[in-house]
N, C-alpha and C. Protein backbone atom coordinates (compact mmCIF):
# COMPACT_ATOMS: atom_id res chain seq x y z
N MET A 1 163.86 -9.29 126.19
CA MET A 1 165.06 -8.79 126.86
C MET A 1 164.73 -8.35 128.29
N SER A 2 165.74 -8.35 129.14
CA SER A 2 165.56 -7.95 130.53
C SER A 2 165.36 -6.45 130.64
N ALA A 3 164.78 -6.06 131.76
CA ALA A 3 164.66 -4.63 132.06
C ALA A 3 166.04 -4.03 132.24
N ARG A 4 166.13 -2.74 131.97
CA ARG A 4 167.36 -2.01 132.24
C ARG A 4 167.08 -0.93 133.28
N TYR A 5 168.14 -0.55 133.97
CA TYR A 5 168.06 0.47 135.00
C TYR A 5 169.15 1.51 134.73
N ALA A 6 168.98 2.68 135.29
CA ALA A 6 169.99 3.73 135.17
C ALA A 6 169.88 4.64 136.38
N ILE A 7 170.97 5.30 136.70
CA ILE A 7 170.95 6.33 137.74
C ILE A 7 171.14 7.67 137.04
N TYR A 8 170.10 8.46 137.10
CA TYR A 8 170.08 9.76 136.43
C TYR A 8 169.93 10.87 137.46
N TYR A 9 170.36 12.07 137.07
CA TYR A 9 169.84 13.23 137.79
C TYR A 9 168.55 13.63 137.09
N ALA A 10 167.51 13.85 137.87
CA ALA A 10 166.25 14.36 137.33
C ALA A 10 165.62 15.28 138.37
N PRO A 11 165.09 16.40 137.95
CA PRO A 11 164.42 17.28 138.91
C PRO A 11 163.20 16.58 139.53
N ARG A 12 162.83 17.03 140.70
CA ARG A 12 161.63 16.49 141.34
C ARG A 12 160.39 16.84 140.50
N ARG A 13 159.38 16.00 140.63
CA ARG A 13 158.20 16.12 139.78
C ARG A 13 157.46 17.44 139.96
N ASP A 14 157.52 18.01 141.17
CA ASP A 14 156.78 19.25 141.42
C ASP A 14 157.60 20.50 141.10
N SER A 15 158.79 20.32 140.51
CA SER A 15 159.63 21.49 140.21
C SER A 15 159.21 22.12 138.88
N ALA A 16 159.42 23.43 138.78
CA ALA A 16 159.10 24.13 137.54
C ALA A 16 159.96 23.63 136.38
N LEU A 17 161.22 23.32 136.65
CA LEU A 17 162.08 22.84 135.58
C LEU A 17 161.57 21.52 135.02
N TRP A 18 161.17 20.60 135.90
CA TRP A 18 160.65 19.31 135.41
C TRP A 18 159.40 19.52 134.55
N ARG A 19 158.48 20.32 135.04
CA ARG A 19 157.22 20.52 134.30
C ARG A 19 157.48 21.15 132.94
N ARG A 20 158.32 22.16 132.90
CA ARG A 20 158.55 22.89 131.66
C ARG A 20 159.35 22.02 130.66
N ALA A 21 160.35 21.30 131.16
CA ALA A 21 161.15 20.46 130.26
C ALA A 21 160.35 19.27 129.75
N SER A 22 159.54 18.66 130.61
CA SER A 22 158.73 17.53 130.17
C SER A 22 157.70 17.97 129.13
N ALA A 23 157.14 19.17 129.30
CA ALA A 23 156.20 19.68 128.30
C ALA A 23 156.91 19.90 126.96
N TRP A 24 158.14 20.42 127.00
CA TRP A 24 158.91 20.60 125.77
C TRP A 24 159.14 19.27 125.06
N LEU A 25 159.50 18.24 125.84
CA LEU A 25 159.77 16.92 125.25
C LEU A 25 158.48 16.20 124.84
N GLY A 26 157.38 16.53 125.51
CA GLY A 26 156.11 15.89 125.19
C GLY A 26 155.86 14.61 125.96
N ARG A 27 156.53 14.44 127.10
CA ARG A 27 156.35 13.22 127.89
C ARG A 27 156.84 13.43 129.31
N ASP A 28 156.06 12.90 130.28
CA ASP A 28 156.44 12.95 131.68
C ASP A 28 156.98 11.58 132.08
N ALA A 29 158.26 11.50 132.41
CA ALA A 29 158.88 10.21 132.71
C ALA A 29 158.53 9.68 134.09
N TYR A 30 157.78 10.44 134.90
CA TYR A 30 157.32 9.88 136.17
C TYR A 30 156.22 8.85 135.95
N ASP A 31 155.42 9.03 134.93
CA ASP A 31 154.36 8.05 134.67
C ASP A 31 154.28 7.63 133.20
N GLY A 32 155.16 8.16 132.36
CA GLY A 32 155.16 7.82 130.95
C GLY A 32 154.07 8.49 130.14
N ALA A 33 153.33 9.40 130.75
CA ALA A 33 152.18 10.00 130.06
C ALA A 33 152.64 11.02 129.02
N PRO A 34 152.01 11.00 127.83
CA PRO A 34 152.31 12.04 126.85
C PRO A 34 151.80 13.39 127.33
N LEU A 35 152.50 14.45 126.93
CA LEU A 35 152.10 15.80 127.31
C LEU A 35 151.96 16.65 126.05
N GLU A 36 151.06 17.60 126.10
CA GLU A 36 150.89 18.52 124.98
C GLU A 36 151.95 19.60 125.06
N ARG A 37 152.71 19.74 123.99
CA ARG A 37 153.75 20.75 123.94
C ARG A 37 153.12 22.13 123.77
N PRO A 38 153.60 23.15 124.48
CA PRO A 38 153.07 24.50 124.27
C PRO A 38 153.41 24.99 122.87
N ALA A 39 152.70 26.01 122.44
CA ALA A 39 152.93 26.56 121.10
C ALA A 39 154.24 27.35 121.08
N PHE A 40 154.97 27.19 119.98
CA PHE A 40 156.20 27.96 119.75
C PHE A 40 156.09 28.60 118.36
N PRO A 41 155.49 29.78 118.28
CA PRO A 41 155.27 30.40 116.96
C PRO A 41 156.55 30.58 116.15
N THR A 42 157.68 30.82 116.82
CA THR A 42 158.94 31.04 116.08
C THR A 42 159.47 29.74 115.48
N LEU A 43 158.88 28.61 115.86
CA LEU A 43 159.33 27.32 115.35
C LEU A 43 158.33 26.69 114.39
N ASP A 44 157.39 27.48 113.92
CA ASP A 44 156.42 26.98 112.94
C ASP A 44 157.16 26.38 111.74
N GLY A 45 156.68 25.25 111.29
CA GLY A 45 157.28 24.58 110.14
C GLY A 45 158.30 23.53 110.50
N LEU A 46 158.72 23.49 111.79
CA LEU A 46 159.66 22.46 112.24
C LEU A 46 158.91 21.29 112.86
N ASP A 47 159.41 20.10 112.67
CA ASP A 47 158.80 18.91 113.26
C ASP A 47 159.43 18.70 114.64
N LEU A 48 158.81 19.32 115.65
CA LEU A 48 159.38 19.24 116.99
C LEU A 48 159.27 17.85 117.58
N ASP A 49 158.26 17.08 117.18
CA ASP A 49 158.18 15.70 117.65
C ASP A 49 159.40 14.91 117.19
N ALA A 50 159.81 15.11 115.94
CA ALA A 50 160.98 14.39 115.43
C ALA A 50 162.26 14.92 116.08
N LEU A 51 162.36 16.21 116.28
CA LEU A 51 163.58 16.81 116.83
C LEU A 51 163.79 16.44 118.30
N THR A 52 162.72 16.06 118.98
CA THR A 52 162.83 15.69 120.40
C THR A 52 162.59 14.20 120.64
N SER A 53 162.56 13.41 119.58
CA SER A 53 162.20 11.99 119.72
C SER A 53 163.16 11.24 120.65
N ASP A 54 164.46 11.38 120.45
CA ASP A 54 165.42 10.62 121.26
C ASP A 54 165.33 10.98 122.74
N PRO A 55 165.44 12.26 123.11
CA PRO A 55 165.37 12.56 124.55
C PRO A 55 163.99 12.28 125.16
N ARG A 56 162.93 12.32 124.35
CA ARG A 56 161.60 12.01 124.89
C ARG A 56 161.56 10.58 125.43
N GLY A 57 162.17 9.65 124.72
CA GLY A 57 162.15 8.26 125.17
C GLY A 57 162.89 8.03 126.47
N TYR A 58 163.93 8.82 126.72
CA TYR A 58 164.70 8.66 127.95
C TYR A 58 164.10 9.46 129.11
N GLY A 59 163.28 10.45 128.81
CA GLY A 59 162.80 11.35 129.84
C GLY A 59 163.83 12.42 130.14
N PHE A 60 163.39 13.52 130.73
CA PHE A 60 164.30 14.62 131.02
C PHE A 60 165.26 14.19 132.13
N HIS A 61 166.55 14.19 131.85
CA HIS A 61 167.50 13.65 132.80
C HIS A 61 168.92 14.03 132.41
N ALA A 62 169.84 13.77 133.32
CA ALA A 62 171.27 13.75 133.01
C ALA A 62 171.82 12.42 133.49
N THR A 63 172.59 11.75 132.65
CA THR A 63 173.11 10.43 132.98
C THR A 63 174.24 10.53 134.01
N LEU A 64 174.09 9.79 135.10
CA LEU A 64 175.15 9.64 136.08
C LEU A 64 175.75 8.23 136.01
N LYS A 65 174.89 7.22 135.92
CA LYS A 65 175.31 5.84 135.67
C LYS A 65 174.47 5.34 134.50
N ALA A 66 175.12 5.03 133.38
CA ALA A 66 174.42 4.69 132.14
C ALA A 66 173.58 3.42 132.30
N PRO A 67 172.58 3.22 131.43
CA PRO A 67 171.68 2.07 131.54
C PRO A 67 172.41 0.73 131.60
N PHE A 68 171.86 -0.16 132.44
CA PHE A 68 172.46 -1.48 132.62
C PHE A 68 171.36 -2.48 132.98
N GLU A 69 171.60 -3.73 132.66
CA GLU A 69 170.77 -4.81 133.17
C GLU A 69 171.31 -5.24 134.53
N LEU A 70 170.44 -5.80 135.37
CA LEU A 70 170.86 -6.18 136.71
C LEU A 70 171.80 -7.39 136.69
N ALA A 71 172.81 -7.33 137.54
CA ALA A 71 173.71 -8.45 137.69
C ALA A 71 172.99 -9.63 138.33
N GLN A 72 173.47 -10.81 138.05
CA GLN A 72 172.90 -12.01 138.64
C GLN A 72 172.94 -11.92 140.16
N GLY A 73 171.81 -12.22 140.79
CA GLY A 73 171.74 -12.18 142.24
C GLY A 73 171.28 -10.86 142.81
N GLU A 74 171.24 -9.80 141.98
CA GLU A 74 170.75 -8.50 142.44
C GLU A 74 169.28 -8.33 142.05
N THR A 75 168.54 -7.58 142.84
CA THR A 75 167.13 -7.35 142.58
C THR A 75 166.84 -5.86 142.49
N GLU A 76 165.69 -5.55 141.94
CA GLU A 76 165.28 -4.15 141.88
C GLU A 76 165.18 -3.55 143.28
N ALA A 77 164.64 -4.32 144.22
CA ALA A 77 164.53 -3.82 145.60
C ALA A 77 165.91 -3.52 146.18
N ASP A 78 166.89 -4.37 145.88
CA ASP A 78 168.26 -4.11 146.33
C ASP A 78 168.76 -2.78 145.78
N LEU A 79 168.54 -2.57 144.49
CA LEU A 79 169.02 -1.36 143.83
C LEU A 79 168.36 -0.12 144.43
N LEU A 80 167.06 -0.14 144.62
CA LEU A 80 166.36 1.03 145.14
C LEU A 80 166.76 1.31 146.58
N GLY A 81 166.94 0.27 147.36
CA GLY A 81 167.39 0.47 148.73
C GLY A 81 168.78 1.08 148.78
N PHE A 82 169.66 0.59 147.92
CA PHE A 82 171.01 1.15 147.86
C PHE A 82 170.97 2.61 147.42
N ALA A 83 170.10 2.94 146.44
CA ALA A 83 170.00 4.32 145.97
C ALA A 83 169.56 5.26 147.08
N ALA A 84 168.63 4.82 147.91
CA ALA A 84 168.18 5.66 149.01
C ALA A 84 169.31 5.90 150.01
N ALA A 85 170.06 4.84 150.33
CA ALA A 85 171.18 5.00 151.26
C ALA A 85 172.29 5.86 150.64
N PHE A 86 172.51 5.70 149.34
CA PHE A 86 173.51 6.50 148.64
C PHE A 86 173.17 7.98 148.75
N ALA A 87 171.91 8.33 148.51
CA ALA A 87 171.50 9.73 148.57
C ALA A 87 171.69 10.31 149.97
N GLU A 88 171.41 9.50 150.98
CA GLU A 88 171.55 9.98 152.36
C GLU A 88 172.98 10.34 152.69
N ALA A 89 173.92 9.75 151.98
CA ALA A 89 175.34 10.00 152.26
C ALA A 89 175.92 11.15 151.45
N ARG A 90 175.12 11.73 150.56
CA ARG A 90 175.61 12.81 149.72
C ARG A 90 175.19 14.18 150.27
N THR A 91 175.81 15.23 149.74
CA THR A 91 175.51 16.59 150.16
C THR A 91 174.98 17.38 148.97
N PRO A 92 173.84 18.07 149.10
CA PRO A 92 173.34 18.89 147.99
C PRO A 92 174.32 20.01 147.64
N PHE A 93 174.19 20.51 146.42
CA PHE A 93 175.07 21.59 145.99
C PHE A 93 174.34 22.42 144.93
N ALA A 94 174.82 23.62 144.70
CA ALA A 94 174.21 24.52 143.73
C ALA A 94 175.18 24.82 142.60
N ALA A 95 174.62 25.07 141.42
CA ALA A 95 175.43 25.47 140.26
C ALA A 95 174.51 26.20 139.29
N ASP A 96 175.09 27.07 138.47
CA ASP A 96 174.32 27.77 137.45
C ASP A 96 174.09 26.85 136.26
N ILE A 97 172.85 26.82 135.76
CA ILE A 97 172.51 26.02 134.59
C ILE A 97 171.84 26.90 133.54
N ALA A 98 171.93 26.46 132.27
CA ALA A 98 171.30 27.18 131.17
C ALA A 98 171.21 26.26 129.96
N PRO A 99 170.23 26.47 129.08
CA PRO A 99 170.23 25.72 127.82
C PRO A 99 171.44 26.14 126.98
N ALA A 100 172.08 25.15 126.37
CA ALA A 100 173.28 25.42 125.57
C ALA A 100 173.48 24.28 124.59
N LEU A 101 174.34 24.51 123.61
CA LEU A 101 174.70 23.45 122.67
C LEU A 101 175.75 22.53 123.27
N LEU A 102 175.62 21.26 122.97
CA LEU A 102 176.67 20.28 123.23
C LEU A 102 176.82 19.47 121.95
N GLY A 103 177.85 19.79 121.20
CA GLY A 103 177.95 19.21 119.86
C GLY A 103 176.81 19.71 119.00
N ALA A 104 176.02 18.78 118.47
CA ALA A 104 174.92 19.15 117.57
C ALA A 104 173.56 19.17 118.25
N PHE A 105 173.52 18.90 119.57
CA PHE A 105 172.21 18.90 120.22
C PHE A 105 172.16 19.90 121.36
N HIS A 106 170.93 20.26 121.74
CA HIS A 106 170.69 21.24 122.79
C HIS A 106 170.40 20.52 124.10
N ALA A 107 170.88 21.11 125.19
CA ALA A 107 170.70 20.50 126.50
C ALA A 107 170.85 21.57 127.57
N PHE A 108 170.29 21.29 128.75
CA PHE A 108 170.63 22.10 129.91
C PHE A 108 172.02 21.67 130.37
N ARG A 109 172.90 22.65 130.55
CA ARG A 109 174.26 22.36 130.97
C ARG A 109 174.63 23.21 132.18
N ILE A 110 175.61 22.76 132.92
CA ILE A 110 176.17 23.57 134.00
C ILE A 110 177.14 24.57 133.38
N ALA A 111 177.04 25.82 133.80
CA ALA A 111 177.72 26.91 133.10
C ALA A 111 179.22 26.93 133.31
N ALA A 112 179.71 26.35 134.39
CA ALA A 112 181.15 26.39 134.69
C ALA A 112 181.55 25.04 135.28
N PRO A 113 182.84 24.72 135.28
CA PRO A 113 183.26 23.45 135.89
C PRO A 113 182.70 23.30 137.30
N CYS A 114 182.21 22.10 137.61
CA CYS A 114 181.52 21.86 138.88
C CYS A 114 182.09 20.59 139.52
N PRO A 115 183.04 20.73 140.43
CA PRO A 115 183.64 19.55 141.06
C PRO A 115 182.62 18.68 141.78
N GLU A 116 181.59 19.30 142.35
CA GLU A 116 180.58 18.51 143.07
C GLU A 116 179.83 17.58 142.14
N MET A 117 179.47 18.06 140.94
CA MET A 117 178.79 17.19 139.99
C MET A 117 179.72 16.12 139.47
N ALA A 118 180.98 16.47 139.20
CA ALA A 118 181.94 15.47 138.76
C ALA A 118 182.11 14.37 139.80
N ALA A 119 182.13 14.76 141.08
CA ALA A 119 182.27 13.77 142.15
C ALA A 119 181.03 12.90 142.26
N LEU A 120 179.84 13.49 142.09
CA LEU A 120 178.60 12.71 142.13
C LEU A 120 178.57 11.70 141.00
N HIS A 121 178.94 12.15 139.80
CA HIS A 121 179.01 11.23 138.66
C HIS A 121 179.96 10.07 138.94
N GLU A 122 181.17 10.37 139.41
CA GLU A 122 182.15 9.31 139.62
C GLU A 122 181.66 8.34 140.68
N ALA A 123 181.05 8.86 141.75
CA ALA A 123 180.54 7.97 142.79
C ALA A 123 179.44 7.07 142.25
N CYS A 124 178.57 7.60 141.40
CA CYS A 124 177.50 6.78 140.82
C CYS A 124 178.09 5.67 139.93
N VAL A 125 179.06 6.03 139.09
CA VAL A 125 179.67 5.03 138.21
C VAL A 125 180.28 3.90 139.03
N ARG A 126 181.02 4.25 140.06
CA ARG A 126 181.74 3.24 140.83
C ARG A 126 180.82 2.48 141.79
N ASP A 127 180.01 3.22 142.56
CA ASP A 127 179.26 2.59 143.64
C ASP A 127 178.11 1.72 143.15
N PHE A 128 177.49 2.10 142.02
CA PHE A 128 176.37 1.30 141.51
C PHE A 128 176.83 0.18 140.58
N ASP A 129 178.13 0.06 140.36
CA ASP A 129 178.59 -0.94 139.39
C ASP A 129 178.34 -2.37 139.87
N ARG A 130 178.21 -2.57 141.15
CA ARG A 130 177.93 -3.91 141.67
C ARG A 130 176.60 -4.45 141.15
N PHE A 131 175.70 -3.53 140.75
CA PHE A 131 174.38 -3.96 140.27
C PHE A 131 174.37 -4.24 138.77
N ARG A 132 175.44 -3.94 138.08
CA ARG A 132 175.46 -3.98 136.60
C ARG A 132 175.92 -5.34 136.08
N ALA A 133 175.09 -5.94 135.24
CA ALA A 133 175.51 -7.15 134.54
C ALA A 133 176.54 -6.78 133.47
N PRO A 134 177.47 -7.67 133.14
CA PRO A 134 178.41 -7.39 132.05
C PRO A 134 177.67 -7.11 130.75
N LEU A 135 178.25 -6.25 129.93
CA LEU A 135 177.65 -5.96 128.64
C LEU A 135 177.58 -7.23 127.78
N SER A 136 176.51 -7.34 127.01
CA SER A 136 176.40 -8.43 126.06
C SER A 136 177.33 -8.17 124.88
N GLU A 137 177.63 -9.21 124.12
CA GLU A 137 178.43 -9.04 122.92
C GLU A 137 177.75 -8.09 121.94
N HIS A 138 176.43 -8.14 121.91
CA HIS A 138 175.68 -7.23 121.03
C HIS A 138 175.91 -5.77 121.44
N ASP A 139 175.84 -5.50 122.74
CA ASP A 139 176.01 -4.12 123.20
C ASP A 139 177.45 -3.65 123.03
N ILE A 140 178.41 -4.55 123.21
CA ILE A 140 179.81 -4.18 122.98
C ILE A 140 180.02 -3.81 121.51
N ALA A 141 179.48 -4.62 120.61
CA ALA A 141 179.62 -4.32 119.18
C ALA A 141 178.92 -3.02 118.82
N ARG A 142 177.77 -2.78 119.43
CA ARG A 142 177.03 -1.54 119.14
C ARG A 142 177.83 -0.32 119.59
N ARG A 143 178.42 -0.39 120.76
CA ARG A 143 179.23 0.73 121.24
C ARG A 143 180.46 0.94 120.35
N ARG A 144 181.07 -0.14 119.91
CA ARG A 144 182.28 -0.01 119.11
C ARG A 144 182.02 0.56 117.72
N ARG A 145 180.79 0.58 117.29
CA ARG A 145 180.48 1.22 116.00
C ARG A 145 180.75 2.72 116.05
N ALA A 146 180.84 3.28 117.26
CA ALA A 146 181.15 4.70 117.41
C ALA A 146 182.64 4.98 117.30
N LYS A 147 183.44 3.95 116.93
CA LYS A 147 184.89 4.11 116.75
C LYS A 147 185.54 4.65 118.02
N LEU A 148 185.39 3.91 119.11
CA LEU A 148 185.97 4.30 120.38
C LEU A 148 187.49 4.26 120.31
N ASN A 149 188.12 5.18 121.04
CA ASN A 149 189.57 5.07 121.18
C ASN A 149 189.89 4.01 122.24
N ALA A 150 191.18 3.74 122.46
CA ALA A 150 191.57 2.65 123.36
C ALA A 150 191.09 2.90 124.79
N ASP A 151 191.18 4.15 125.25
CA ASP A 151 190.75 4.47 126.61
C ASP A 151 189.24 4.32 126.75
N GLN A 152 188.49 4.80 125.77
CA GLN A 152 187.04 4.66 125.82
C GLN A 152 186.62 3.20 125.78
N ASP A 153 187.31 2.40 124.98
CA ASP A 153 186.99 0.98 124.91
C ASP A 153 187.25 0.30 126.26
N ARG A 154 188.34 0.67 126.90
CA ARG A 154 188.64 0.11 128.22
C ARG A 154 187.58 0.49 129.23
N LYS A 155 187.17 1.76 129.22
CA LYS A 155 186.12 2.20 130.15
C LYS A 155 184.82 1.45 129.89
N MET A 156 184.48 1.27 128.62
CA MET A 156 183.26 0.55 128.28
C MET A 156 183.28 -0.87 128.83
N LEU A 157 184.39 -1.56 128.65
CA LEU A 157 184.48 -2.94 129.11
C LEU A 157 184.53 -3.04 130.64
N THR A 158 185.13 -2.04 131.28
CA THR A 158 185.29 -2.07 132.74
C THR A 158 184.06 -1.58 133.47
N TRP A 159 183.45 -0.50 132.95
CA TRP A 159 182.38 0.17 133.67
C TRP A 159 181.05 0.18 132.93
N GLY A 160 181.00 -0.32 131.69
CA GLY A 160 179.74 -0.42 130.97
C GLY A 160 179.41 0.75 130.08
N TYR A 161 180.27 1.78 130.06
CA TYR A 161 179.97 2.99 129.28
C TYR A 161 181.28 3.69 128.99
N PRO A 162 181.48 4.20 127.77
CA PRO A 162 182.80 4.75 127.41
C PRO A 162 183.04 6.20 127.80
N TYR A 163 181.98 7.00 128.00
CA TYR A 163 182.16 8.45 128.14
C TYR A 163 181.98 8.84 129.60
N ILE A 164 182.94 8.49 130.42
CA ILE A 164 182.84 8.69 131.87
C ILE A 164 184.12 9.32 132.40
N PHE A 165 184.05 9.70 133.69
CA PHE A 165 185.19 10.28 134.40
C PHE A 165 185.70 11.54 133.69
N ASP A 166 186.87 11.53 133.08
CA ASP A 166 187.40 12.75 132.46
C ASP A 166 186.60 13.18 131.24
N GLU A 167 185.79 12.29 130.66
CA GLU A 167 184.97 12.64 129.50
C GLU A 167 183.52 12.94 129.86
N PHE A 168 183.19 12.92 131.14
CA PHE A 168 181.83 13.22 131.57
C PHE A 168 181.51 14.68 131.32
N ARG A 169 180.36 14.94 130.68
CA ARG A 169 179.86 16.29 130.46
C ARG A 169 178.40 16.31 130.90
N PHE A 170 178.14 16.94 132.03
CA PHE A 170 176.76 16.97 132.53
C PHE A 170 175.86 17.63 131.50
N HIS A 171 174.74 16.97 131.17
CA HIS A 171 173.77 17.58 130.26
C HIS A 171 172.41 16.91 130.42
N MET A 172 171.38 17.73 130.45
CA MET A 172 169.98 17.27 130.45
C MET A 172 169.43 17.56 129.06
N THR A 173 169.32 16.53 128.25
CA THR A 173 169.13 16.68 126.82
C THR A 173 167.74 17.19 126.47
N LEU A 174 167.69 18.10 125.50
CA LEU A 174 166.44 18.71 125.06
C LEU A 174 166.11 18.42 123.60
N THR A 175 167.09 18.04 122.79
CA THR A 175 166.84 17.72 121.37
C THR A 175 167.77 16.59 120.95
N GLY A 176 167.43 16.00 119.80
CA GLY A 176 168.39 15.15 119.12
C GLY A 176 169.41 16.01 118.38
N ALA A 177 170.28 15.36 117.63
CA ALA A 177 171.29 16.09 116.86
C ALA A 177 170.63 16.92 115.77
N ILE A 178 171.01 18.18 115.66
CA ILE A 178 170.48 19.10 114.64
C ILE A 178 171.67 19.59 113.82
N ARG A 179 171.74 19.17 112.58
CA ARG A 179 172.90 19.50 111.73
C ARG A 179 172.72 20.81 110.98
N ASP A 180 171.50 21.26 110.82
CA ASP A 180 171.22 22.50 110.11
C ASP A 180 171.45 23.67 111.08
N GLU A 181 172.44 24.51 110.81
CA GLU A 181 172.79 25.58 111.73
C GLU A 181 171.67 26.60 111.91
N ALA A 182 170.94 26.88 110.85
CA ALA A 182 169.84 27.85 110.95
C ALA A 182 168.73 27.30 111.84
N VAL A 183 168.39 26.03 111.65
CA VAL A 183 167.37 25.40 112.49
C VAL A 183 167.84 25.37 113.95
N SER A 184 169.10 25.02 114.17
CA SER A 184 169.63 24.97 115.52
C SER A 184 169.56 26.33 116.20
N ALA A 185 169.85 27.38 115.46
CA ALA A 185 169.78 28.73 116.03
C ALA A 185 168.36 29.08 116.43
N ARG A 186 167.38 28.71 115.61
CA ARG A 186 165.98 28.97 115.96
C ARG A 186 165.58 28.20 117.22
N ILE A 187 166.00 26.94 117.29
CA ILE A 187 165.70 26.14 118.47
C ILE A 187 166.35 26.75 119.71
N GLY A 188 167.61 27.15 119.59
CA GLY A 188 168.31 27.74 120.73
C GLY A 188 167.63 28.99 121.25
N ALA A 189 167.18 29.84 120.36
CA ALA A 189 166.50 31.07 120.78
C ALA A 189 165.18 30.75 121.48
N ALA A 190 164.44 29.77 120.95
CA ALA A 190 163.17 29.39 121.56
C ALA A 190 163.38 28.78 122.94
N LEU A 191 164.41 27.96 123.08
CA LEU A 191 164.69 27.35 124.38
C LEU A 191 165.12 28.39 125.41
N ALA A 192 165.93 29.34 124.99
CA ALA A 192 166.36 30.40 125.91
C ALA A 192 165.16 31.16 126.46
N GLU A 193 164.18 31.42 125.60
CA GLU A 193 162.98 32.13 126.04
C GLU A 193 162.11 31.23 126.92
N HIS A 194 161.91 29.97 126.49
CA HIS A 194 161.04 29.05 127.21
C HIS A 194 161.55 28.77 128.62
N PHE A 195 162.88 28.69 128.77
CA PHE A 195 163.47 28.34 130.06
C PHE A 195 164.10 29.51 130.78
N ALA A 196 163.69 30.73 130.44
CA ALA A 196 164.33 31.91 131.04
C ALA A 196 164.24 31.88 132.56
N ALA A 197 163.10 31.47 133.10
CA ALA A 197 162.92 31.47 134.55
C ALA A 197 163.71 30.36 135.24
N GLU A 198 164.12 29.34 134.49
CA GLU A 198 164.86 28.21 135.07
C GLU A 198 166.37 28.32 134.83
N THR A 199 166.80 29.40 134.21
CA THR A 199 168.21 29.62 133.93
C THR A 199 168.86 30.36 135.10
N GLY A 200 170.04 29.89 135.51
CA GLY A 200 170.74 30.55 136.60
C GLY A 200 171.00 29.58 137.74
N PRO A 201 171.11 30.08 138.98
CA PRO A 201 171.43 29.20 140.12
C PRO A 201 170.38 28.10 140.28
N TYR A 202 170.87 26.87 140.52
CA TYR A 202 169.98 25.72 140.62
C TYR A 202 170.51 24.79 141.70
N LEU A 203 169.60 24.24 142.50
CA LEU A 203 169.99 23.36 143.59
C LEU A 203 169.86 21.90 143.16
N PHE A 204 170.95 21.18 143.18
CA PHE A 204 170.94 19.74 142.90
C PHE A 204 170.81 19.01 144.23
N ASP A 205 169.65 18.38 144.44
CA ASP A 205 169.40 17.81 145.77
C ASP A 205 168.68 16.45 145.69
N SER A 206 168.87 15.72 144.57
CA SER A 206 168.19 14.42 144.46
C SER A 206 168.93 13.53 143.49
N ALA A 207 168.62 12.24 143.55
CA ALA A 207 169.11 11.26 142.57
C ALA A 207 167.91 10.42 142.15
N ALA A 208 167.97 9.83 140.96
CA ALA A 208 166.77 9.20 140.42
C ALA A 208 167.07 7.88 139.74
N PRO A 209 166.70 6.75 140.34
CA PRO A 209 166.73 5.49 139.59
C PRO A 209 165.63 5.49 138.53
N PHE A 210 166.00 5.18 137.30
CA PHE A 210 165.04 5.03 136.21
C PHE A 210 165.02 3.56 135.78
N THR A 211 163.92 3.14 135.17
CA THR A 211 163.84 1.79 134.65
C THR A 211 163.25 1.80 133.25
N GLN A 212 163.63 0.81 132.46
CA GLN A 212 163.12 0.61 131.11
C GLN A 212 162.69 -0.85 131.02
N ALA A 213 161.41 -1.09 130.81
CA ALA A 213 160.88 -2.45 130.84
C ALA A 213 161.52 -3.34 129.78
N ASN A 214 161.77 -2.77 128.61
CA ASN A 214 162.46 -3.48 127.53
C ASN A 214 163.05 -2.43 126.59
N ARG A 215 163.84 -2.86 125.63
CA ARG A 215 164.58 -1.91 124.79
C ARG A 215 163.66 -1.04 123.93
N ALA A 216 162.42 -1.47 123.73
CA ALA A 216 161.49 -0.68 122.93
C ALA A 216 160.70 0.32 123.77
N ALA A 217 160.77 0.21 125.09
CA ALA A 217 159.99 1.06 125.98
C ALA A 217 160.76 2.32 126.34
N GLY A 218 160.02 3.31 126.83
CA GLY A 218 160.66 4.52 127.34
C GLY A 218 161.16 4.29 128.76
N PHE A 219 162.11 5.11 129.17
CA PHE A 219 162.58 5.09 130.55
C PHE A 219 161.59 5.86 131.43
N GLU A 220 161.41 5.37 132.65
CA GLU A 220 160.54 6.04 133.61
C GLU A 220 161.23 6.08 134.97
N VAL A 221 160.94 7.14 135.72
CA VAL A 221 161.38 7.17 137.10
C VAL A 221 160.74 5.99 137.81
N GLU A 222 161.52 5.27 138.60
CA GLU A 222 161.03 4.06 139.25
C GLU A 222 160.07 4.43 140.37
N GLY A 223 158.76 4.41 140.05
CA GLY A 223 157.75 4.82 141.02
C GLY A 223 157.95 6.28 141.36
N GLU A 224 157.93 6.58 142.65
CA GLU A 224 158.21 7.94 143.12
C GLU A 224 159.59 7.97 143.78
N SER A 225 160.54 7.24 143.19
CA SER A 225 161.78 6.97 143.91
C SER A 225 162.88 7.99 143.68
N VAL A 226 162.56 9.19 143.22
CA VAL A 226 163.58 10.23 143.30
C VAL A 226 163.89 10.41 144.79
N VAL A 227 165.11 10.21 145.16
CA VAL A 227 165.47 10.24 146.57
C VAL A 227 166.17 11.55 146.88
N LYS A 228 165.63 12.27 147.80
CA LYS A 228 166.11 13.62 148.10
C LYS A 228 167.32 13.56 149.00
N LEU A 229 168.34 14.30 148.65
CA LEU A 229 169.49 14.44 149.52
C LEU A 229 169.08 15.22 150.78
N PRO A 230 169.64 14.90 151.92
CA PRO A 230 169.08 15.37 153.19
C PRO A 230 169.39 16.83 153.51
N THR A 231 168.57 17.36 154.39
CA THR A 231 168.78 18.59 155.16
C THR A 231 168.72 19.89 154.36
N VAL A 232 168.35 19.82 153.09
CA VAL A 232 168.28 21.05 152.28
C VAL A 232 166.90 21.17 151.68
N ARG A 233 166.34 22.36 151.73
CA ARG A 233 165.05 22.59 151.12
C ARG A 233 165.21 22.75 149.63
N ALA A 234 164.41 22.04 148.85
CA ALA A 234 164.53 22.07 147.40
C ALA A 234 164.06 23.40 146.85
N ARG A 235 164.60 23.72 145.67
CA ARG A 235 164.20 24.96 145.00
C ARG A 235 162.75 24.87 144.57
């Protein structure tokens, strides 16, 4: 299968949030290297490798433009060049973030409605769509197994992903789905403690093209191509 690409928000590699979140997941998506997770005595007896398996493969990120294969005639160099120009045209912004539940899984979320993030998401969905190949019949069928409503199905066929625009919920995923409420509460308490220093005001000042060599591989930041939005000093 062809490589896939995505436009994610991801903290810069030298940031405390990136280091701490990547250690929690057990993988650094800048180079794909496994990381040793710190000890969590309050989580003894839980299989943290299994609980973080899904987000570990994607790397610590928030989806802005969902994974896609390149459209015919487009190249990786075209995409990366466009991403750099896209970032230069955007303005950094700040918002409060904290670990929180989203459905059955834990993620870093923005604490209050954030028009700037909503606008960044919408711009990524629309502006990068020229690089996206149409979904395969296999991918369409896979998405429809989630019982999409008519609007979600239309979005999927038009833009390649069903949960966009009014259904976008910014989240940097930290676990897979956890159905056991007691286990989820233990995880939530541990995450609140682990990320205490990273909770609160946060500066969003970059965008990150990611690539996946094939469907069995993990996603990685494309080289060092997190592109910094201009004129603002990063946190």
